[in-house]
N, C-alpha and C. Protein backbone atom coordinates (compact mmCIF):
# COMPACT_ATOMS: atom_id res chain seq x y z
N MET A 1 1.60 20.35 -2.94
CA MET A 1 2.05 19.17 -3.68
C MET A 1 1.76 19.40 -5.15
N ASN A 2 2.72 19.10 -6.00
CA ASN A 2 2.49 19.32 -7.43
C ASN A 2 1.64 18.21 -8.03
N HIS A 3 1.18 18.44 -9.27
CA HIS A 3 0.28 17.50 -9.94
C HIS A 3 0.92 16.13 -10.11
N PHE A 4 2.22 16.08 -10.48
CA PHE A 4 2.90 14.80 -10.66
C PHE A 4 2.94 14.03 -9.35
N ALA A 5 3.27 14.71 -8.27
CA ALA A 5 3.36 14.04 -6.97
C ALA A 5 2.00 13.50 -6.56
N THR A 6 0.94 14.25 -6.81
CA THR A 6 -0.40 13.80 -6.46
C THR A 6 -0.77 12.55 -7.25
N ASN A 7 -0.53 12.55 -8.55
CA ASN A 7 -0.83 11.37 -9.37
C ASN A 7 0.02 10.19 -8.94
N HIS A 8 1.29 10.43 -8.66
CA HIS A 8 2.19 9.36 -8.24
C HIS A 8 1.69 8.74 -6.93
N SER A 9 1.29 9.59 -6.00
CA SER A 9 0.76 9.13 -4.72
C SER A 9 -0.53 8.34 -4.91
N ASN A 10 -1.43 8.87 -5.74
CA ASN A 10 -2.69 8.17 -6.00
C ASN A 10 -2.45 6.80 -6.61
N ASN A 11 -1.49 6.71 -7.53
CA ASN A 11 -1.17 5.41 -8.14
C ASN A 11 -0.65 4.44 -7.09
N ARG A 12 0.19 4.91 -6.19
CA ARG A 12 0.70 4.04 -5.13
C ARG A 12 -0.42 3.58 -4.22
N ILE A 13 -1.30 4.48 -3.86
CA ILE A 13 -2.41 4.12 -2.98
C ILE A 13 -3.33 3.11 -3.67
N GLU A 14 -3.59 3.29 -4.95
CA GLU A 14 -4.39 2.32 -5.71
C GLU A 14 -3.70 0.96 -5.72
N GLN A 15 -2.39 0.95 -5.94
CA GLN A 15 -1.64 -0.31 -5.95
C GLN A 15 -1.67 -0.97 -4.57
N MET A 16 -1.53 -0.17 -3.53
CA MET A 16 -1.60 -0.72 -2.17
C MET A 16 -2.97 -1.33 -1.91
N ASN A 17 -4.03 -0.62 -2.30
CA ASN A 17 -5.39 -1.14 -2.13
C ASN A 17 -5.57 -2.47 -2.85
N THR A 18 -5.05 -2.56 -4.07
CA THR A 18 -5.16 -3.78 -4.86
C THR A 18 -4.45 -4.94 -4.16
N LEU A 19 -3.24 -4.70 -3.69
CA LEU A 19 -2.47 -5.76 -3.03
C LEU A 19 -3.09 -6.16 -1.69
N LEU A 20 -3.55 -5.17 -0.93
CA LEU A 20 -4.13 -5.45 0.38
C LEU A 20 -5.48 -6.16 0.29
N ALA A 21 -6.09 -6.16 -0.89
CA ALA A 21 -7.35 -6.88 -1.09
C ALA A 21 -7.19 -8.37 -0.79
N ALA A 22 -5.97 -8.88 -0.88
CA ALA A 22 -5.70 -10.29 -0.58
C ALA A 22 -6.04 -10.62 0.88
N LEU A 23 -6.06 -9.61 1.74
CA LEU A 23 -6.40 -9.82 3.15
C LEU A 23 -7.90 -9.68 3.40
N GLN A 24 -8.67 -9.50 2.34
CA GLN A 24 -10.13 -9.39 2.39
C GLN A 24 -10.60 -8.40 3.47
N PRO A 25 -10.10 -7.17 3.38
CA PRO A 25 -10.48 -6.19 4.41
C PRO A 25 -11.95 -5.79 4.31
N THR A 26 -12.55 -5.57 5.48
CA THR A 26 -13.90 -5.03 5.53
C THR A 26 -13.85 -3.51 5.57
N LYS A 27 -12.68 -2.98 5.91
CA LYS A 27 -12.45 -1.53 5.89
C LYS A 27 -10.98 -1.30 5.63
N ILE A 28 -10.69 -0.30 4.81
CA ILE A 28 -9.30 0.06 4.53
C ILE A 28 -9.24 1.56 4.25
N GLU A 29 -8.30 2.22 4.90
CA GLU A 29 -8.05 3.63 4.68
C GLU A 29 -6.54 3.83 4.59
N ILE A 30 -6.11 4.49 3.54
CA ILE A 30 -4.68 4.77 3.36
C ILE A 30 -4.52 6.27 3.19
N ALA A 31 -3.65 6.86 4.02
CA ALA A 31 -3.38 8.29 3.93
C ALA A 31 -1.91 8.48 3.58
N ASP A 32 -1.65 9.41 2.68
CA ASP A 32 -0.29 9.74 2.28
C ASP A 32 0.20 10.91 3.13
N ASP A 33 1.18 10.65 3.99
CA ASP A 33 1.77 11.68 4.84
C ASP A 33 3.12 12.14 4.33
N SER A 34 3.44 11.83 3.09
CA SER A 34 4.76 12.15 2.54
C SER A 34 5.08 13.63 2.62
N HIS A 35 4.07 14.49 2.42
CA HIS A 35 4.31 15.93 2.46
C HIS A 35 4.84 16.39 3.82
N LYS A 36 4.57 15.63 4.87
CA LYS A 36 5.06 15.98 6.21
C LYS A 36 6.54 15.64 6.37
N HIS A 37 7.08 14.90 5.41
CA HIS A 37 8.46 14.43 5.52
C HIS A 37 9.33 14.93 4.37
N ALA A 38 8.96 16.03 3.77
CA ALA A 38 9.72 16.59 2.65
C ALA A 38 11.16 16.83 3.09
N GLY A 39 12.10 16.40 2.26
CA GLY A 39 13.51 16.56 2.57
C GLY A 39 14.10 15.41 3.37
N HIS A 40 13.24 14.57 3.93
CA HIS A 40 13.69 13.39 4.67
C HIS A 40 14.37 12.44 3.70
N VAL A 41 15.34 11.68 4.17
CA VAL A 41 16.10 10.78 3.31
C VAL A 41 15.18 9.87 2.51
N GLY A 42 14.18 9.28 3.15
CA GLY A 42 13.25 8.39 2.45
C GLY A 42 12.46 9.11 1.39
N ALA A 43 12.10 10.35 1.66
CA ALA A 43 11.35 11.14 0.68
C ALA A 43 12.23 11.46 -0.52
N ARG A 44 13.49 11.77 -0.27
CA ARG A 44 14.40 12.10 -1.36
C ARG A 44 14.65 10.89 -2.26
N SER A 45 14.62 9.69 -1.70
CA SER A 45 14.87 8.49 -2.50
C SER A 45 13.61 8.01 -3.21
N GLY A 46 12.49 8.69 -2.99
CA GLY A 46 11.27 8.35 -3.70
C GLY A 46 10.27 7.55 -2.90
N GLY A 47 10.65 7.04 -1.75
CA GLY A 47 9.72 6.27 -0.92
C GLY A 47 8.78 7.17 -0.17
N GLY A 48 7.51 6.81 -0.13
CA GLY A 48 6.51 7.62 0.54
C GLY A 48 6.28 7.20 1.98
N HIS A 49 5.62 8.08 2.73
CA HIS A 49 5.23 7.84 4.11
C HIS A 49 3.70 7.71 4.13
N TYR A 50 3.20 6.59 4.63
CA TYR A 50 1.76 6.32 4.59
C TYR A 50 1.26 5.87 5.95
N ARG A 51 -0.04 6.11 6.17
CA ARG A 51 -0.76 5.59 7.33
C ARG A 51 -1.82 4.64 6.80
N LEU A 52 -1.92 3.47 7.42
CA LEU A 52 -2.87 2.45 6.99
C LEU A 52 -3.76 2.05 8.15
N LEU A 53 -5.06 2.10 7.91
CA LEU A 53 -6.05 1.51 8.81
C LEU A 53 -6.67 0.38 8.02
N ILE A 54 -6.58 -0.83 8.57
CA ILE A 54 -7.14 -1.99 7.88
C ILE A 54 -7.86 -2.88 8.88
N VAL A 55 -9.03 -3.35 8.50
CA VAL A 55 -9.85 -4.22 9.33
C VAL A 55 -10.11 -5.49 8.52
N SER A 56 -9.79 -6.63 9.13
CA SER A 56 -9.97 -7.91 8.43
C SER A 56 -10.18 -9.04 9.43
N THR A 57 -11.05 -9.97 9.07
CA THR A 57 -11.23 -11.16 9.91
C THR A 57 -9.99 -12.05 9.86
N GLN A 58 -9.13 -11.86 8.87
CA GLN A 58 -7.91 -12.66 8.78
C GLN A 58 -6.94 -12.35 9.93
N PHE A 59 -7.19 -11.27 10.66
CA PHE A 59 -6.35 -10.92 11.80
C PHE A 59 -6.82 -11.59 13.09
N ASP A 60 -7.93 -12.33 13.03
CA ASP A 60 -8.46 -13.01 14.22
C ASP A 60 -7.38 -13.86 14.88
N SER A 61 -7.25 -13.71 16.19
CA SER A 61 -6.34 -14.52 17.02
C SER A 61 -4.87 -14.34 16.66
N LYS A 62 -4.53 -13.26 15.96
CA LYS A 62 -3.14 -13.03 15.58
C LYS A 62 -2.61 -11.80 16.32
N PRO A 63 -1.39 -11.91 16.86
CA PRO A 63 -0.81 -10.75 17.53
C PRO A 63 -0.43 -9.65 16.53
N THR A 64 -0.19 -8.48 17.04
CA THR A 64 0.11 -7.31 16.20
C THR A 64 1.26 -7.57 15.24
N LEU A 65 2.34 -8.15 15.72
CA LEU A 65 3.51 -8.38 14.86
C LEU A 65 3.15 -9.28 13.69
N THR A 66 2.36 -10.31 13.91
CA THR A 66 1.93 -11.20 12.83
C THR A 66 1.07 -10.45 11.82
N ARG A 67 0.18 -9.61 12.31
CA ARG A 67 -0.67 -8.82 11.43
C ARG A 67 0.18 -7.92 10.53
N HIS A 68 1.18 -7.27 11.12
CA HIS A 68 2.06 -6.39 10.35
C HIS A 68 2.84 -7.19 9.31
N ARG A 69 3.31 -8.36 9.69
CA ARG A 69 4.04 -9.20 8.73
C ARG A 69 3.15 -9.63 7.58
N MET A 70 1.89 -9.90 7.86
CA MET A 70 0.94 -10.25 6.80
C MET A 70 0.81 -9.10 5.81
N ILE A 71 0.72 -7.89 6.34
CA ILE A 71 0.59 -6.69 5.50
C ILE A 71 1.85 -6.49 4.68
N TYR A 72 3.01 -6.56 5.32
CA TYR A 72 4.28 -6.40 4.60
C TYR A 72 4.41 -7.45 3.50
N SER A 73 3.96 -8.66 3.79
CA SER A 73 4.06 -9.74 2.81
C SER A 73 3.24 -9.45 1.56
N VAL A 74 2.00 -9.00 1.73
CA VAL A 74 1.17 -8.75 0.55
C VAL A 74 1.63 -7.49 -0.19
N LEU A 75 2.24 -6.54 0.51
CA LEU A 75 2.74 -5.34 -0.17
C LEU A 75 4.05 -5.62 -0.91
N GLY A 76 4.75 -6.68 -0.53
CA GLY A 76 5.92 -7.16 -1.25
C GLY A 76 6.94 -6.09 -1.61
N ASP A 77 7.24 -5.98 -2.90
CA ASP A 77 8.27 -5.06 -3.38
C ASP A 77 7.95 -3.59 -3.12
N MET A 78 6.69 -3.26 -2.92
CA MET A 78 6.37 -1.87 -2.61
C MET A 78 7.09 -1.42 -1.34
N MET A 79 7.27 -2.35 -0.40
CA MET A 79 7.95 -2.02 0.85
C MET A 79 9.43 -1.74 0.63
N LYS A 80 9.97 -2.21 -0.46
CA LYS A 80 11.40 -1.99 -0.76
C LYS A 80 11.63 -0.71 -1.55
N HIS A 81 10.65 -0.29 -2.35
CA HIS A 81 10.88 0.80 -3.29
C HIS A 81 9.93 1.98 -3.14
N ASP A 82 8.64 1.71 -2.98
CA ASP A 82 7.63 2.76 -3.02
C ASP A 82 7.24 3.29 -1.64
N ILE A 83 7.42 2.46 -0.62
CA ILE A 83 7.01 2.83 0.73
C ILE A 83 8.24 2.91 1.61
N HIS A 84 8.52 4.11 2.11
CA HIS A 84 9.65 4.27 3.04
C HIS A 84 9.19 4.00 4.47
N ALA A 85 7.99 4.46 4.80
CA ALA A 85 7.46 4.29 6.15
C ALA A 85 5.96 4.00 6.06
N LEU A 86 5.52 3.07 6.92
CA LEU A 86 4.11 2.70 6.93
C LEU A 86 3.66 2.55 8.38
N ALA A 87 2.79 3.45 8.81
CA ALA A 87 2.19 3.35 10.15
C ALA A 87 0.92 2.51 10.02
N ILE A 88 0.87 1.42 10.75
CA ILE A 88 -0.21 0.44 10.58
C ILE A 88 -1.10 0.37 11.82
N ALA A 89 -2.41 0.42 11.58
CA ALA A 89 -3.41 0.09 12.57
C ALA A 89 -4.23 -1.05 11.96
N ALA A 90 -4.04 -2.26 12.50
CA ALA A 90 -4.69 -3.45 11.93
C ALA A 90 -5.59 -4.09 13.00
N TYR A 91 -6.87 -4.18 12.67
CA TYR A 91 -7.86 -4.67 13.62
C TYR A 91 -8.73 -5.75 13.01
N THR A 92 -9.38 -6.49 13.89
CA THR A 92 -10.48 -7.37 13.48
C THR A 92 -11.75 -6.54 13.58
N PRO A 93 -12.83 -6.95 12.92
CA PRO A 93 -14.08 -6.18 13.05
C PRO A 93 -14.55 -6.05 14.50
N GLU A 94 -14.32 -7.05 15.30
CA GLU A 94 -14.75 -7.03 16.70
C GLU A 94 -13.96 -6.04 17.54
N GLU A 95 -12.78 -5.70 17.10
CA GLU A 95 -11.92 -4.79 17.88
C GLU A 95 -12.25 -3.31 17.67
N LEU A 96 -13.07 -3.03 16.69
CA LEU A 96 -13.42 -1.62 16.46
C LEU A 96 -14.61 -1.19 17.26
């Protein structure tokens, strides 16, 4: 990965962390898997491929689909432009 791509990815991950803070996570890990998708349509258009592990009490009593919608909501426009694919693992502290 070139220097520009690394900085661009780091900036996106920082922005994701900032936005996801609204869910008051007790744990958050974001991995950039974009390099595994080089040449993919989403990669060519600039959208990255990410894996997210997030733990929050705000997910209590909420089904998986609701948790994912909460995440998509706080990420907002990033889901339209910066993120092509997002693999989500969303848990409550008790579920880990």
